């Protein structure tokens, strides 16, 4: 696991978009159409943000990040863009990425971690639940992802 580099942009964007296509979640109001998906390196140069890239045998197979989404309450961050290639799933990598993001968030002083998801991503939701995220009644912050209609939060230790 390592921090994103500029040369990772195209690979990570392809992993995100193919994952959304796979689960028929490539709809407006999601990261599929978000222009920042094509330049994650620049996006995560924002202070108090980090994006972690996961490699398996030297090949990028996924990633996830922490971002100070505009409009969230003080002390809150968002877990963003957690995607894995199919061959990297069911190996504990998703949990590893979440744990790394929680570690980053805690080091930045965040107290709560928010995320947005959708019914189509049921396996991811199960992982979030196992990692201690609970459901909210509505969205928070200004992510611009109106295509996501499930919202979760986790209190950080």
Protein backbone atom coordinates (compact mmCIF):
# COMPACT_ATOMS: atom_id res chain seq x y z
CA UNK A 1 0.00 0.00 0.00
CA UNK A 2 1.31 3.43 -0.91
CA UNK A 3 0.12 6.98 -1.53
CA UNK A 4 -1.19 7.78 -4.98
CA UNK A 5 1.23 9.06 -7.61
CA UNK A 6 0.41 11.07 -10.71
CA UNK A 7 1.07 8.05 -12.96
CA UNK A 8 -1.69 6.12 -11.13
CA UNK A 9 -4.47 8.42 -12.36
CA UNK A 10 -5.58 6.46 -15.45
CA UNK A 11 -5.38 3.06 -13.70
CA UNK A 12 -7.38 4.15 -10.65
CA UNK A 13 -10.00 5.89 -12.82
CA UNK A 14 -10.39 2.69 -14.88
CA UNK A 15 -10.76 0.54 -11.72
CA UNK A 16 -13.43 2.89 -10.33
CA UNK A 17 -15.42 3.07 -13.56
CA UNK A 18 -15.23 -0.65 -14.33
CA UNK A 19 -16.36 -1.44 -10.77
CA UNK A 20 -19.40 0.81 -11.13
CA UNK A 21 -20.21 -0.70 -14.54
CA UNK A 22 -19.92 -4.22 -13.11
CA UNK A 23 -22.63 -3.51 -10.54
CA UNK A 24 -24.80 -1.37 -12.85
CA UNK A 25 -24.06 1.65 -10.68
CA UNK A 26 -22.55 3.82 -13.42
CA UNK A 27 -25.20 6.48 -13.15
CA UNK A 28 -25.22 10.27 -13.01
CA UNK A 29 -24.40 11.75 -9.64
CA UNK A 30 -21.66 9.20 -8.87
CA UNK A 31 -17.87 9.23 -9.15
CA UNK A 32 -18.33 7.57 -12.56
CA UNK A 33 -19.08 11.00 -14.03
CA UNK A 34 -17.06 13.05 -11.54
CA UNK A 35 -14.25 14.87 -13.43
CA UNK A 36 -11.94 14.55 -10.41
CA UNK A 37 -11.90 10.76 -10.97
CA UNK A 38 -9.47 11.31 -13.84
CA UNK A 39 -6.98 13.29 -11.74
CA UNK A 40 -7.02 11.77 -8.30
CA UNK A 41 -3.42 12.73 -7.66
CA UNK A 42 -4.29 16.44 -7.86
CA UNK A 43 -7.51 15.99 -5.89
CA UNK A 44 -5.64 14.37 -3.04
CA UNK A 45 -3.05 17.12 -2.86
CA UNK A 46 -5.74 18.91 -0.82
CA UNK A 47 -4.59 19.37 2.80
CA UNK A 48 -5.87 16.73 5.25
CA UNK A 49 -6.57 14.22 2.49
CA UNK A 50 -4.80 11.05 1.35
CA UNK A 51 -5.48 8.38 -1.24
CA UNK A 52 -3.96 4.95 -0.76
CA UNK A 53 -3.20 2.72 -3.74
CA UNK A 54 -3.02 -1.02 -3.25
CA UNK A 55 -0.64 -3.11 -5.34
CA UNK A 56 -0.56 -6.88 -5.71
CA UNK A 57 2.53 -8.34 -7.40
CA UNK A 58 3.48 -4.85 -8.64
CA UNK A 59 0.08 -4.22 -10.24
CA UNK A 60 -2.35 -1.56 -8.97
CA UNK A 61 -5.52 -3.42 -7.96
CA UNK A 62 -7.44 -0.79 -5.99
CA UNK A 63 -7.45 2.09 -3.60
CA UNK A 64 -9.32 4.29 -1.17
CA UNK A 65 -9.00 7.70 0.38
CA UNK A 66 -9.87 10.19 3.06
CA UNK A 67 -11.16 13.59 2.01
CA UNK A 68 -12.32 16.75 3.82
CA UNK A 69 -15.58 17.01 1.88
CA UNK A 70 -16.99 20.51 1.84
CA UNK A 71 -19.98 21.03 4.10
CA UNK A 72 -19.26 18.21 6.56
CA UNK A 73 -19.24 19.19 10.23
CA UNK A 74 -15.93 20.11 11.86
CA UNK A 75 -13.97 16.98 12.73
CA UNK A 76 -15.58 14.93 9.96
CA UNK A 77 -14.01 13.50 6.81
CA UNK A 78 -15.30 11.26 4.06
CA UNK A 79 -14.11 7.78 3.11
CA UNK A 80 -14.01 8.04 -0.67
CA UNK A 81 -13.44 6.02 -3.80
CA UNK A 82 -12.91 2.57 -2.28
CA UNK A 83 -12.70 0.26 -5.28
CA UNK A 84 -10.93 -3.03 -5.97
CA UNK A 85 -10.46 -5.03 -9.16
CA UNK A 86 -12.44 -8.31 -9.11
CA UNK A 87 -9.30 -10.44 -8.63
CA UNK A 88 -8.38 -8.40 -5.53
CA UNK A 89 -11.68 -8.94 -3.74
CA UNK A 90 -12.34 -11.42 -0.91
CA UNK A 91 -8.72 -11.20 0.24
CA UNK A 92 -9.18 -8.73 3.08
CA UNK A 93 -7.88 -5.82 1.00
CA UNK A 94 -11.02 -3.72 1.42
CA UNK A 95 -10.74 -3.95 5.18
CA UNK A 96 -7.02 -3.13 4.97
CA UNK A 97 -7.77 -0.02 2.93
CA UNK A 98 -10.48 1.11 5.34
CA UNK A 99 -8.14 0.58 8.30
CA UNK A 100 -5.41 2.59 6.55
CA UNK A 101 -7.87 5.38 5.82
CA UNK A 102 -9.03 5.38 9.45
CA UNK A 103 -5.39 5.62 10.52
CA UNK A 104 -4.88 8.59 8.17
CA UNK A 105 -8.09 10.27 9.32
CA UNK A 106 -7.14 9.87 12.97
CA UNK A 107 -3.67 11.30 12.31
CA UNK A 108 -5.34 14.36 10.74
CA UNK A 109 -7.50 14.78 13.85
CA UNK A 110 -10.83 13.70 12.36
CA UNK A 111 -13.36 12.29 14.82
CA UNK A 112 -16.03 10.96 12.44
CA UNK A 113 -15.79 9.27 9.04
CA UNK A 114 -18.71 9.60 6.65
CA UNK A 115 -19.35 7.72 3.41
CA UNK A 116 -21.89 7.58 0.63
CA UNK A 117 -22.88 4.42 -1.21
CA UNK A 118 -25.81 2.84 -3.03
CA UNK A 119 -27.93 -0.33 -2.91
CA UNK A 120 -26.15 -1.79 -5.96
CA UNK A 121 -22.91 -2.03 -3.94
CA UNK A 122 -24.25 -4.51 -1.39
CA UNK A 123 -20.93 -6.29 -0.82
CA UNK A 124 -19.23 -2.99 -0.03
CA UNK A 125 -22.05 -2.08 2.36
CA UNK A 126 -21.53 -5.36 4.20
CA UNK A 127 -17.84 -4.51 4.60
CA UNK A 128 -18.68 -1.04 5.89
CA UNK A 129 -21.07 -2.54 8.43
CA UNK A 130 -18.41 -5.03 9.60
CA UNK A 131 -15.98 -2.13 10.01
CA UNK A 132 -18.40 -0.32 12.34
CA UNK A 133 -20.18 2.10 10.02
CA UNK A 134 -23.84 2.77 10.83
CA UNK A 135 -26.56 4.20 8.59
CA UNK A 136 -27.71 7.81 8.56
CA UNK A 137 -31.14 9.07 7.52
CA UNK A 138 -29.80 11.44 4.88
CA UNK A 139 -26.75 12.88 3.16
CA UNK A 140 -24.25 15.24 4.74
CA UNK A 141 -21.80 17.62 3.14
CA UNK A 142 -21.58 18.70 -0.47
CA UNK A 143 -19.99 15.79 -2.33
CA UNK A 144 -22.15 16.41 -5.39
CA UNK A 145 -22.90 12.67 -5.58
CA UNK A 146 -26.68 12.81 -5.69
CA UNK A 147 -26.69 9.30 -7.23
CA UNK A 148 -25.71 7.83 -3.88
CA UNK A 149 -28.75 7.21 -1.72
CA UNK A 150 -27.26 5.45 1.31
CA UNK A 151 -25.14 7.26 3.88
CA UNK A 152 -23.06 5.91 6.74
CA UNK A 153 -20.83 7.16 9.53
CA UNK A 154 -18.26 5.77 11.92
CA UNK A 155 -16.95 7.35 15.09
CA UNK A 156 -13.15 7.26 15.10
CA UNK A 157 -11.27 6.34 18.25
